[in-house]
């Protein structure tokens, strides 16, 4: 989640992370709350 990605980027070598794979579909849209914008801002593919 977003807090998890913040932890990732605060970790040594964490900025090498370029993808976060998550459950996302019409019925499961939680990624849109904060995570999608965070990933776009940090050039991480969802």
ModelCIF file with pLDDT and N, C-alpha, C, O atoms, coordinates in Angstrom:
data_MODEL
#
_entry.id   MODEL 
#
_entity.id                         1 
_entity.type                       polymer 
_entity.pdbx_number_of_molecules   1 
#
_entity_poly.entity_id                      1 
_entity_poly.type                           'polypeptide(L)' 
_entity_poly.nstd_linkage                   no 
_entity_poly.nstd_monomer                   no 
_entity_poly.pdbx_seq_one_letter_code       
;(UNK)(UNK)(UNK)(UNK)(UNK)(UNK)(UNK)(UNK)(UNK)(UNK)(UNK)(UNK)(UNK)(UNK)(UNK)(UNK)
(UNK)(UNK)(UNK)(UNK)(UNK)(UNK)(UNK)(UNK)(UNK)(UNK)(UNK)(UNK)(UNK)(UNK)(UNK)(UNK)
(UNK)(UNK)(UNK)(UNK)(UNK)(UNK)(UNK)(UNK)(UNK)(UNK)(UNK)(UNK)(UNK)(UNK)
;
_entity_poly.pdbx_seq_one_letter_code_can   XXXXXXXXXXXXXXXXXXXXXXXXXXXXXXXXXXXXXXXXXXXXXX 
_entity_poly.pdbx_strand_id                 A 
#
loop_
_entity_poly_seq.entity_id 
_entity_poly_seq.num 
_entity_poly_seq.mon_id 
_entity_poly_seq.hetero 
1 1  UNK n 
1 2  UNK n 
1 3  UNK n 
1 4  UNK n 
1 5  UNK n 
1 6  UNK n 
1 7  UNK n 
1 8  UNK n 
1 9  UNK n 
1 10 UNK n 
1 11 UNK n 
1 12 UNK n 
1 13 UNK n 
1 14 UNK n 
1 15 UNK n 
1 16 UNK n 
1 17 UNK n 
1 18 UNK n 
1 19 UNK n 
1 20 UNK n 
1 21 UNK n 
1 22 UNK n 
1 23 UNK n 
1 24 UNK n 
1 25 UNK n 
1 26 UNK n 
1 27 UNK n 
1 28 UNK n 
1 29 UNK n 
1 30 UNK n 
1 31 UNK n 
1 32 UNK n 
1 33 UNK n 
1 34 UNK n 
1 35 UNK n 
1 36 UNK n 
1 37 UNK n 
1 38 UNK n 
1 39 UNK n 
1 40 UNK n 
1 41 UNK n 
1 42 UNK n 
1 43 UNK n 
1 44 UNK n 
1 45 UNK n 
1 46 UNK n 
#
_struct_asym.id          A 
_struct_asym.entity_id   1 
#
loop_
_ma_qa_metric.id 
_ma_qa_metric.mode 
_ma_qa_metric.name 
_ma_qa_metric.software_group_id 
_ma_qa_metric.type 
1 global pLDDT . pLDDT 
2 local  pLDDT . pLDDT 
#
_ma_qa_metric_global.metric_id      1 
_ma_qa_metric_global.metric_value   97.15 
_ma_qa_metric_global.model_id       1 
_ma_qa_metric_global.ordinal_id     1 
#
loop_
_ma_qa_metric_local.label_asym_id 
_ma_qa_metric_local.label_comp_id 
_ma_qa_metric_local.label_seq_id 
_ma_qa_metric_local.metric_id 
_ma_qa_metric_local.metric_value 
_ma_qa_metric_local.model_id 
_ma_qa_metric_local.ordinal_id 
A UNK 1  2 97.00 1 1  
A UNK 2  2 97.00 1 2  
A UNK 3  2 97.00 1 3  
A UNK 4  2 98.00 1 4  
A UNK 5  2 98.00 1 5  
A UNK 6  2 98.00 1 6  
A UNK 7  2 98.00 1 7  
A UNK 8  2 98.00 1 8  
A UNK 9  2 98.00 1 9  
A UNK 10 2 98.00 1 10 
A UNK 11 2 97.00 1 11 
A UNK 12 2 94.00 1 12 
A UNK 13 2 96.00 1 13 
A UNK 14 2 97.00 1 14 
A UNK 15 2 95.00 1 15 
A UNK 16 2 97.00 1 16 
A UNK 17 2 98.00 1 17 
A UNK 18 2 98.00 1 18 
A UNK 19 2 98.00 1 19 
A UNK 20 2 98.00 1 20 
A UNK 21 2 98.00 1 21 
A UNK 22 2 98.00 1 22 
A UNK 23 2 98.00 1 23 
A UNK 24 2 98.00 1 24 
A UNK 25 2 98.00 1 25 
A UNK 26 2 98.00 1 26 
A UNK 27 2 97.00 1 27 
A UNK 28 2 97.00 1 28 
A UNK 29 2 98.00 1 29 
A UNK 30 2 97.00 1 30 
A UNK 31 2 98.00 1 31 
A UNK 32 2 97.00 1 32 
A UNK 33 2 94.00 1 33 
A UNK 34 2 96.00 1 34 
A UNK 35 2 97.00 1 35 
A UNK 36 2 97.00 1 36 
A UNK 37 2 96.00 1 37 
A UNK 38 2 97.00 1 38 
A UNK 39 2 97.00 1 39 
A UNK 40 2 96.00 1 40 
A UNK 41 2 96.00 1 41 
A UNK 42 2 96.00 1 42 
A UNK 43 2 96.00 1 43 
A UNK 44 2 98.00 1 44 
A UNK 45 2 98.00 1 45 
A UNK 46 2 98.00 1 46 
#
loop_
_atom_site.group_PDB 
_atom_site.id 
_atom_site.type_symbol 
_atom_site.label_atom_id 
_atom_site.label_alt_id 
_atom_site.label_comp_id 
_atom_site.label_asym_id 
_atom_site.label_entity_id 
_atom_site.label_seq_id 
_atom_site.pdbx_PDB_ins_code 
_atom_site.Cartn_x 
_atom_site.Cartn_y 
_atom_site.Cartn_z 
_atom_site.occupancy 
_atom_site.B_iso_or_equiv 
_atom_site.pdbx_formal_charge 
_atom_site.auth_seq_id 
_atom_site.auth_comp_id 
_atom_site.auth_asym_id 
_atom_site.auth_atom_id 
_atom_site.pdbx_PDB_model_num 
ATOM 1   N N  . UNK A 1 1  ? 0.842   -1.193 0.000   1.00 97.00 ? 1  UNK A N  1 
ATOM 2   C CA . UNK A 1 1  ? 0.000   0.000  0.000   1.00 97.00 ? 1  UNK A CA 1 
ATOM 3   C C  . UNK A 1 1  ? 0.880   1.247  0.000   1.00 97.00 ? 1  UNK A C  1 
ATOM 4   O O  . UNK A 1 1  ? 2.102   1.141  -0.108  1.00 97.00 ? 1  UNK A O  1 
ATOM 5   N N  . UNK A 1 2  ? 0.274   2.421  0.119   1.00 97.00 ? 2  UNK A N  1 
ATOM 6   C CA . UNK A 1 2  ? 1.045   3.666  0.042   1.00 97.00 ? 2  UNK A CA 1 
ATOM 7   C C  . UNK A 1 2  ? 2.062   3.763  1.170   1.00 97.00 ? 2  UNK A C  1 
ATOM 8   O O  . UNK A 1 2  ? 3.207   4.150  0.933   1.00 97.00 ? 2  UNK A O  1 
ATOM 9   N N  . UNK A 1 3  ? 1.666   3.419  2.392   1.00 97.00 ? 3  UNK A N  1 
ATOM 10  C CA . UNK A 1 3  ? 2.622   3.444  3.505   1.00 97.00 ? 3  UNK A CA 1 
ATOM 11  C C  . UNK A 1 3  ? 3.764   2.478  3.242   1.00 97.00 ? 3  UNK A C  1 
ATOM 12  O O  . UNK A 1 3  ? 4.920   2.774  3.545   1.00 97.00 ? 3  UNK A O  1 
ATOM 13  N N  . UNK A 1 4  ? 3.440   1.336  2.684   1.00 98.00 ? 4  UNK A N  1 
ATOM 14  C CA . UNK A 1 4  ? 4.470   0.356  2.353   1.00 98.00 ? 4  UNK A CA 1 
ATOM 15  C C  . UNK A 1 4  ? 5.440   0.880  1.313   1.00 98.00 ? 4  UNK A C  1 
ATOM 16  O O  . UNK A 1 4  ? 6.643   0.635  1.405   1.00 98.00 ? 4  UNK A O  1 
ATOM 17  N N  . UNK A 1 5  ? 4.928   1.602  0.322   1.00 98.00 ? 5  UNK A N  1 
ATOM 18  C CA . UNK A 1 5  ? 5.807   2.162  -0.698  1.00 98.00 ? 5  UNK A CA 1 
ATOM 19  C C  . UNK A 1 5  ? 6.677   3.275  -0.128  1.00 98.00 ? 5  UNK A C  1 
ATOM 20  O O  . UNK A 1 5  ? 7.827   3.438  -0.536  1.00 98.00 ? 5  UNK A O  1 
ATOM 21  N N  . UNK A 1 6  ? 6.134   4.038  0.808   1.00 98.00 ? 6  UNK A N  1 
ATOM 22  C CA . UNK A 1 6  ? 6.968   5.042  1.483   1.00 98.00 ? 6  UNK A CA 1 
ATOM 23  C C  . UNK A 1 6  ? 8.115   4.357  2.222   1.00 98.00 ? 6  UNK A C  1 
ATOM 24  O O  . UNK A 1 6  ? 9.247   4.839  2.202   1.00 98.00 ? 6  UNK A O  1 
ATOM 25  N N  . UNK A 1 7  ? 7.822   3.243  2.866   1.00 98.00 ? 7  UNK A N  1 
ATOM 26  C CA . UNK A 1 7  ? 8.871   2.488  3.558   1.00 98.00 ? 7  UNK A CA 1 
ATOM 27  C C  . UNK A 1 7  ? 9.893   1.950  2.562   1.00 98.00 ? 7  UNK A C  1 
ATOM 28  O O  . UNK A 1 7  ? 11.097  1.980  2.817   1.00 98.00 ? 7  UNK A O  1 
ATOM 29  N N  . UNK A 1 8  ? 9.401   1.458  1.422   1.00 98.00 ? 8  UNK A N  1 
ATOM 30  C CA . UNK A 1 8  ? 10.301  0.957  0.379   1.00 98.00 ? 8  UNK A CA 1 
ATOM 31  C C  . UNK A 1 8  ? 11.284  2.038  -0.042  1.00 98.00 ? 8  UNK A C  1 
ATOM 32  O O  . UNK A 1 8  ? 12.487  1.789  -0.117  1.00 98.00 ? 8  UNK A O  1 
ATOM 33  N N  . UNK A 1 9  ? 10.775  3.250  -0.322  1.00 98.00 ? 9  UNK A N  1 
ATOM 34  C CA . UNK A 1 9  ? 11.645  4.294  -0.834  1.00 98.00 ? 9  UNK A CA 1 
ATOM 35  C C  . UNK A 1 9  ? 12.540  4.899  0.239   1.00 98.00 ? 9  UNK A C  1 
ATOM 36  O O  . UNK A 1 9  ? 13.517  5.580  -0.075  1.00 98.00 ? 9  UNK A O  1 
ATOM 37  N N  . UNK A 1 10 ? 12.210  4.655  1.500   1.00 98.00 ? 10 UNK A N  1 
ATOM 38  C CA . UNK A 1 10 ? 13.069  5.107  2.594   1.00 98.00 ? 10 UNK A CA 1 
ATOM 39  C C  . UNK A 1 10 ? 14.171  4.092  2.899   1.00 98.00 ? 10 UNK A C  1 
ATOM 40  O O  . UNK A 1 10 ? 15.057  4.354  3.712   1.00 98.00 ? 10 UNK A O  1 
ATOM 41  N N  . UNK A 1 11 ? 14.107  2.938  2.243   1.00 97.00 ? 11 UNK A N  1 
ATOM 42  C CA . UNK A 1 11 ? 15.060  1.857  2.478   1.00 97.00 ? 11 UNK A CA 1 
ATOM 43  C C  . UNK A 1 11 ? 16.212  1.950  1.488   1.00 97.00 ? 11 UNK A C  1 
ATOM 44  O O  . UNK A 1 11 ? 16.011  2.281  0.319   1.00 97.00 ? 11 UNK A O  1 
ATOM 45  N N  . UNK A 1 12 ? 17.400  1.662  1.953   1.00 94.00 ? 12 UNK A N  1 
ATOM 46  C CA . UNK A 1 12 ? 18.556  1.636  1.055   1.00 94.00 ? 12 UNK A CA 1 
ATOM 47  C C  . UNK A 1 12 ? 18.279  0.689  -0.104  1.00 94.00 ? 12 UNK A C  1 
ATOM 48  O O  . UNK A 1 12 ? 17.848  -0.445 0.105   1.00 94.00 ? 12 UNK A O  1 
ATOM 49  N N  . UNK A 1 13 ? 18.523  1.146  -1.307  1.00 96.00 ? 13 UNK A N  1 
ATOM 50  C CA . UNK A 1 13 ? 18.264  0.429  -2.557  1.00 96.00 ? 13 UNK A CA 1 
ATOM 51  C C  . UNK A 1 13 ? 16.780  0.380  -2.926  1.00 96.00 ? 13 UNK A C  1 
ATOM 52  O O  . UNK A 1 13 ? 16.424  -0.168 -3.969  1.00 96.00 ? 13 UNK A O  1 
ATOM 53  N N  . UNK A 1 14 ? 15.916  0.944  -2.088  1.00 97.00 ? 14 UNK A N  1 
ATOM 54  C CA . UNK A 1 14 ? 14.486  0.898  -2.361  1.00 97.00 ? 14 UNK A CA 1 
ATOM 55  C C  . UNK A 1 14 ? 14.075  1.687  -3.589  1.00 97.00 ? 14 UNK A C  1 
ATOM 56  O O  . UNK A 1 14 ? 13.051  1.390  -4.204  1.00 97.00 ? 14 UNK A O  1 
ATOM 57  N N  . UNK A 1 15 ? 14.875  2.703  -3.956  1.00 95.00 ? 15 UNK A N  1 
ATOM 58  C CA . UNK A 1 15 ? 14.520  3.483  -5.126  1.00 95.00 ? 15 UNK A CA 1 
ATOM 59  C C  . UNK A 1 15 ? 14.758  2.720  -6.419  1.00 95.00 ? 15 UNK A C  1 
ATOM 60  O O  . UNK A 1 15 ? 14.447  3.219  -7.501  1.00 95.00 ? 15 UNK A O  1 
ATOM 61  N N  . UNK A 1 16 ? 15.306  1.517  -6.316  1.00 97.00 ? 16 UNK A N  1 
ATOM 62  C CA . UNK A 1 16 ? 15.402  0.643  -7.485  1.00 97.00 ? 16 UNK A CA 1 
ATOM 63  C C  . UNK A 1 16 ? 14.084  -0.026 -7.823  1.00 97.00 ? 16 UNK A C  1 
ATOM 64  O O  . UNK A 1 16 ? 13.944  -0.612 -8.896  1.00 97.00 ? 16 UNK A O  1 
ATOM 65  N N  . UNK A 1 17 ? 13.113  0.054  -6.919  1.00 98.00 ? 17 UNK A N  1 
ATOM 66  C CA . UNK A 1 17 ? 11.797  -0.549 -7.157  1.00 98.00 ? 17 UNK A CA 1 
ATOM 67  C C  . UNK A 1 17 ? 11.073  0.248  -8.242  1.00 98.00 ? 17 UNK A C  1 
ATOM 68  O O  . UNK A 1 17 ? 10.918  1.463  -8.127  1.00 98.00 ? 17 UNK A O  1 
ATOM 69  N N  . UNK A 1 18 ? 10.633  -0.441 -9.291  1.00 98.00 ? 18 UNK A N  1 
ATOM 70  C CA . UNK A 1 18 ? 10.002  0.257  -10.418 1.00 98.00 ? 18 UNK A CA 1 
ATOM 71  C C  . UNK A 1 18 ? 8.579   -0.214 -10.687 1.00 98.00 ? 18 UNK A C  1 
ATOM 72  O O  . UNK A 1 18 ? 7.904   0.351  -11.548 1.00 98.00 ? 18 UNK A O  1 
ATOM 73  N N  . UNK A 1 19 ? 8.099   -1.244 -9.966  1.00 98.00 ? 19 UNK A N  1 
ATOM 74  C CA . UNK A 1 19 ? 6.753   -1.786 -10.174 1.00 98.00 ? 19 UNK A CA 1 
ATOM 75  C C  . UNK A 1 19 ? 6.172   -2.174 -8.825  1.00 98.00 ? 19 UNK A C  1 
ATOM 76  O O  . UNK A 1 19 ? 6.880   -2.668 -7.948  1.00 98.00 ? 19 UNK A O  1 
ATOM 77  N N  . UNK A 1 20 ? 4.877   -1.946 -8.671  1.00 98.00 ? 20 UNK A N  1 
ATOM 78  C CA . UNK A 1 20 ? 4.113   -2.472 -7.536  1.00 98.00 ? 20 UNK A CA 1 
ATOM 79  C C  . UNK A 1 20 ? 2.905   -3.191 -8.125  1.00 98.00 ? 20 UNK A C  1 
ATOM 80  O O  . UNK A 1 20 ? 2.037   -2.560 -8.728  1.00 98.00 ? 20 UNK A O  1 
ATOM 81  N N  . UNK A 1 21 ? 2.846   -4.505 -7.952  1.00 98.00 ? 21 UNK A N  1 
ATOM 82  C CA . UNK A 1 21 ? 1.742   -5.303 -8.494  1.00 98.00 ? 21 UNK A CA 1 
ATOM 83  C C  . UNK A 1 21 ? 0.662   -5.457 -7.423  1.00 98.00 ? 21 UNK A C  1 
ATOM 84  O O  . UNK A 1 21 ? 0.927   -5.950 -6.326  1.00 98.00 ? 21 UNK A O  1 
ATOM 85  N N  . UNK A 1 22 ? -0.556  -5.029 -7.754  1.00 98.00 ? 22 UNK A N  1 
ATOM 86  C CA . UNK A 1 22 ? -1.638  -5.043 -6.765  1.00 98.00 ? 22 UNK A CA 1 
ATOM 87  C C  . UNK A 1 22 ? -2.934  -5.537 -7.403  1.00 98.00 ? 22 UNK A C  1 
ATOM 88  O O  . UNK A 1 22 ? -3.084  -5.545 -8.624  1.00 98.00 ? 22 UNK A O  1 
ATOM 89  N N  . UNK A 1 23 ? -3.861  -5.948 -6.546  1.00 98.00 ? 23 UNK A N  1 
ATOM 90  C CA . UNK A 1 23 ? -5.200  -6.307 -6.991  1.00 98.00 ? 23 UNK A CA 1 
ATOM 91  C C  . UNK A 1 23 ? -5.926  -5.036 -7.430  1.00 98.00 ? 23 UNK A C  1 
ATOM 92  O O  . UNK A 1 23 ? -6.087  -4.100 -6.647  1.00 98.00 ? 23 UNK A O  1 
ATOM 93  N N  . UNK A 1 24 ? -6.362  -5.015 -8.692  1.00 98.00 ? 24 UNK A N  1 
ATOM 94  C CA . UNK A 1 24 ? -7.059  -3.835 -9.192  1.00 98.00 ? 24 UNK A CA 1 
ATOM 95  C C  . UNK A 1 24 ? -8.006  -4.239 -10.307 1.00 98.00 ? 24 UNK A C  1 
ATOM 96  O O  . UNK A 1 24 ? -7.592  -4.768 -11.339 1.00 98.00 ? 24 UNK A O  1 
ATOM 97  N N  . UNK A 1 25 ? -9.272  -3.982 -10.081 1.00 98.00 ? 25 UNK A N  1 
ATOM 98  C CA . UNK A 1 25 ? -10.291 -4.251 -11.090 1.00 98.00 ? 25 UNK A CA 1 
ATOM 99  C C  . UNK A 1 25 ? -11.519 -3.393 -10.762 1.00 98.00 ? 25 UNK A C  1 
ATOM 100 O O  . UNK A 1 25 ? -11.506 -2.619 -9.805  1.00 98.00 ? 25 UNK A O  1 
ATOM 101 N N  . UNK A 1 26 ? -12.559 -3.535 -11.551 1.00 98.00 ? 26 UNK A N  1 
ATOM 102 C CA . UNK A 1 26 ? -13.764 -2.726 -11.366 1.00 98.00 ? 26 UNK A CA 1 
ATOM 103 C C  . UNK A 1 26 ? -14.356 -2.857 -9.965  1.00 98.00 ? 26 UNK A C  1 
ATOM 104 O O  . UNK A 1 26 ? -14.877 -1.888 -9.413  1.00 98.00 ? 26 UNK A O  1 
ATOM 105 N N  . UNK A 1 27 ? -14.275 -4.048 -9.397  1.00 97.00 ? 27 UNK A N  1 
ATOM 106 C CA . UNK A 1 27 ? -14.869 -4.285 -8.084  1.00 97.00 ? 27 UNK A CA 1 
ATOM 107 C C  . UNK A 1 27 ? -13.894 -4.047 -6.942  1.00 97.00 ? 27 UNK A C  1 
ATOM 108 O O  . UNK A 1 27 ? -14.302 -4.010 -5.781  1.00 97.00 ? 27 UNK A O  1 
ATOM 109 N N  . UNK A 1 28 ? -12.613 -3.886 -7.252  1.00 97.00 ? 28 UNK A N  1 
ATOM 110 C CA . UNK A 1 28 ? -11.564 -3.718 -6.243  1.00 97.00 ? 28 UNK A CA 1 
ATOM 111 C C  . UNK A 1 28 ? -10.737 -2.491 -6.621  1.00 97.00 ? 28 UNK A C  1 
ATOM 112 O O  . UNK A 1 28 ? -9.706  -2.609 -7.284  1.00 97.00 ? 28 UNK A O  1 
ATOM 113 N N  . UNK A 1 29 ? -11.199 -1.307 -6.194  1.00 98.00 ? 29 UNK A N  1 
ATOM 114 C CA . UNK A 1 29 ? -10.614 -0.059 -6.657  1.00 98.00 ? 29 UNK A CA 1 
ATOM 115 C C  . UNK A 1 29 ? -9.828  0.693  -5.587  1.00 98.00 ? 29 UNK A C  1 
ATOM 116 O O  . UNK A 1 29 ? -9.562  1.885  -5.743  1.00 98.00 ? 29 UNK A O  1 
ATOM 117 N N  . UNK A 1 30 ? -9.456  0.019  -4.510  1.00 97.00 ? 30 UNK A N  1 
ATOM 118 C CA . UNK A 1 30 ? -8.783  0.715  -3.404  1.00 97.00 ? 30 UNK A CA 1 
ATOM 119 C C  . UNK A 1 30 ? -7.495  1.397  -3.844  1.00 97.00 ? 30 UNK A C  1 
ATOM 120 O O  . UNK A 1 30 ? -7.105  2.404  -3.253  1.00 97.00 ? 30 UNK A O  1 
ATOM 121 N N  . UNK A 1 31 ? -6.833  0.876  -4.858  1.00 98.00 ? 31 UNK A N  1 
ATOM 122 C CA . UNK A 1 31 ? -5.575  1.474  -5.313  1.00 98.00 ? 31 UNK A CA 1 
ATOM 123 C C  . UNK A 1 31 ? -5.755  2.913  -5.781  1.00 98.00 ? 31 UNK A C  1 
ATOM 124 O O  . UNK A 1 31 ? -4.792  3.680  -5.808  1.00 98.00 ? 31 UNK A O  1 
ATOM 125 N N  . UNK A 1 32 ? -6.986  3.289  -6.151  1.00 97.00 ? 32 UNK A N  1 
ATOM 126 C CA . UNK A 1 32 ? -7.237  4.648  -6.632  1.00 97.00 ? 32 UNK A CA 1 
ATOM 127 C C  . UNK A 1 32 ? -7.224  5.688  -5.508  1.00 97.00 ? 32 UNK A C  1 
ATOM 128 O O  . UNK A 1 32 ? -7.091  6.881  -5.778  1.00 97.00 ? 32 UNK A O  1 
ATOM 129 N N  . UNK A 1 33 ? -7.359  5.254  -4.258  1.00 94.00 ? 33 UNK A N  1 
ATOM 130 C CA . UNK A 1 33 ? -7.491  6.214  -3.161  1.00 94.00 ? 33 UNK A CA 1 
ATOM 131 C C  . UNK A 1 33 ? -6.242  7.072  -3.020  1.00 94.00 ? 33 UNK A C  1 
ATOM 132 O O  . UNK A 1 33 ? -6.348  8.298  -3.004  1.00 94.00 ? 33 UNK A O  1 
ATOM 133 N N  . UNK A 1 34 ? -5.060  6.466  -2.918  1.00 96.00 ? 34 UNK A N  1 
ATOM 134 C CA . UNK A 1 34 ? -3.805  7.205  -2.791  1.00 96.00 ? 34 UNK A CA 1 
ATOM 135 C C  . UNK A 1 34 ? -2.683  6.573  -3.606  1.00 96.00 ? 34 UNK A C  1 
ATOM 136 O O  . UNK A 1 34 ? -1.823  7.263  -4.154  1.00 96.00 ? 34 UNK A O  1 
ATOM 137 N N  . UNK A 1 35 ? -2.714  5.250  -3.672  1.00 97.00 ? 35 UNK A N  1 
ATOM 138 C CA . UNK A 1 35 ? -1.571  4.512  -4.207  1.00 97.00 ? 35 UNK A CA 1 
ATOM 139 C C  . UNK A 1 35 ? -1.294  4.827  -5.672  1.00 97.00 ? 35 UNK A C  1 
ATOM 140 O O  . UNK A 1 35 ? -0.137  4.985  -6.064  1.00 97.00 ? 35 UNK A O  1 
ATOM 141 N N  . UNK A 1 36 ? -2.338  4.920  -6.478  1.00 97.00 ? 36 UNK A N  1 
ATOM 142 C CA . UNK A 1 36 ? -2.150  5.145  -7.904  1.00 97.00 ? 36 UNK A CA 1 
ATOM 143 C C  . UNK A 1 36 ? -1.423  6.466  -8.154  1.00 97.00 ? 36 UNK A C  1 
ATOM 144 O O  . UNK A 1 36 ? -0.495  6.526  -8.961  1.00 97.00 ? 36 UNK A O  1 
ATOM 145 N N  . UNK A 1 37 ? -1.844  7.516  -7.464  1.00 96.00 ? 37 UNK A N  1 
ATOM 146 C CA . UNK A 1 37 ? -1.199  8.822  -7.635  1.00 96.00 ? 37 UNK A CA 1 
ATOM 147 C C  . UNK A 1 37 ? 0.238   8.787  -7.137  1.00 96.00 ? 37 UNK A C  1 
ATOM 148 O O  . UNK A 1 37 ? 1.124   9.376  -7.755  1.00 96.00 ? 37 UNK A O  1 
ATOM 149 N N  . UNK A 1 38 ? 0.477   8.091  -6.012  1.00 97.00 ? 38 UNK A N  1 
ATOM 150 C CA . UNK A 1 38 ? 1.830   7.993  -5.475  1.00 97.00 ? 38 UNK A CA 1 
ATOM 151 C C  . UNK A 1 38 ? 2.752   7.311  -6.488  1.00 97.00 ? 38 UNK A C  1 
ATOM 152 O O  . UNK A 1 38 ? 3.865   7.772  -6.741  1.00 97.00 ? 38 UNK A O  1 
ATOM 153 N N  . UNK A 1 39 ? 2.272   6.216  -7.060  1.00 97.00 ? 39 UNK A N  1 
ATOM 154 C CA . UNK A 1 39 ? 3.097   5.470  -8.017  1.00 97.00 ? 39 UNK A CA 1 
ATOM 155 C C  . UNK A 1 39 ? 3.376   6.313  -9.260  1.00 97.00 ? 39 UNK A C  1 
ATOM 156 O O  . UNK A 1 39 ? 4.496   6.314  -9.771  1.00 97.00 ? 39 UNK A O  1 
ATOM 157 N N  . UNK A 1 40 ? 2.369   7.026  -9.746  1.00 96.00 ? 40 UNK A N  1 
ATOM 158 C CA . UNK A 1 40 ? 2.577   7.862  -10.931 1.00 96.00 ? 40 UNK A CA 1 
ATOM 159 C C  . UNK A 1 40 ? 3.591   8.956  -10.639 1.00 96.00 ? 40 UNK A C  1 
ATOM 160 O O  . UNK A 1 40 ? 4.450   9.243  -11.473 1.00 96.00 ? 40 UNK A O  1 
ATOM 161 N N  . UNK A 1 41 ? 3.502   9.563  -9.476  1.00 96.00 ? 41 UNK A N  1 
ATOM 162 C CA . UNK A 1 41 ? 4.412   10.646 -9.114  1.00 96.00 ? 41 UNK A CA 1 
ATOM 163 C C  . UNK A 1 41 ? 5.854   10.152 -9.009  1.00 96.00 ? 41 UNK A C  1 
ATOM 164 O O  . UNK A 1 41 ? 6.792   10.909 -9.261  1.00 96.00 ? 41 UNK A O  1 
ATOM 165 N N  . UNK A 1 42 ? 6.030   8.881  -8.638  1.00 96.00 ? 42 UNK A N  1 
ATOM 166 C CA . UNK A 1 42 ? 7.372   8.337  -8.423  1.00 96.00 ? 42 UNK A CA 1 
ATOM 167 C C  . UNK A 1 42 ? 7.840   7.421  -9.555  1.00 96.00 ? 42 UNK A C  1 
ATOM 168 O O  . UNK A 1 42 ? 8.817   6.688  -9.392  1.00 96.00 ? 42 UNK A O  1 
ATOM 169 N N  . UNK A 1 43 ? 7.153   7.456  -10.697 1.00 96.00 ? 43 UNK A N  1 
ATOM 170 C CA . UNK A 1 43 ? 7.533   6.670  -11.881 1.00 96.00 ? 43 UNK A CA 1 
ATOM 171 C C  . UNK A 1 43 ? 7.571   5.177  -11.590 1.00 96.00 ? 43 UNK A C  1 
ATOM 172 O O  . UNK A 1 43 ? 8.424   4.450  -12.098 1.00 96.00 ? 43 UNK A O  1 
ATOM 173 N N  . UNK A 1 44 ? 6.644   4.743  -10.774 1.00 98.00 ? 44 UNK A N  1 
ATOM 174 C CA . UNK A 1 44 ? 6.489   3.314  -10.469 1.00 98.00 ? 44 UNK A CA 1 
ATOM 175 C C  . UNK A 1 44 ? 5.242   2.820  -11.199 1.00 98.00 ? 44 UNK A C  1 
ATOM 176 O O  . UNK A 1 44 ? 4.164   3.392  -11.035 1.00 98.00 ? 44 UNK A O  1 
ATOM 177 N N  . UNK A 1 45 ? 5.376   1.781  -11.990 1.00 98.00 ? 45 UNK A N  1 
ATOM 178 C CA . UNK A 1 45 ? 4.217   1.228  -12.678 1.00 98.00 ? 45 UNK A CA 1 
ATOM 179 C C  . UNK A 1 45 ? 3.343   0.475  -11.683 1.00 98.00 ? 45 UNK A C  1 
ATOM 180 O O  . UNK A 1 45 ? 3.846   -0.208 -10.791 1.00 98.00 ? 45 UNK A O  1 
ATOM 181 N N  . UNK A 1 46 ? 2.048   0.607  -11.846 1.00 98.00 ? 46 UNK A N  1 
ATOM 182 C CA . UNK A 1 46 ? 1.097   -0.186 -11.075 1.00 98.00 ? 46 UNK A CA 1 
ATOM 183 C C  . UNK A 1 46 ? 0.674   -1.342 -11.972 1.00 98.00 ? 46 UNK A C  1 
ATOM 184 O O  . UNK A 1 46 ? -0.134  -2.176 -11.564 1.00 98.00 ? 46 UNK A O  1 
#
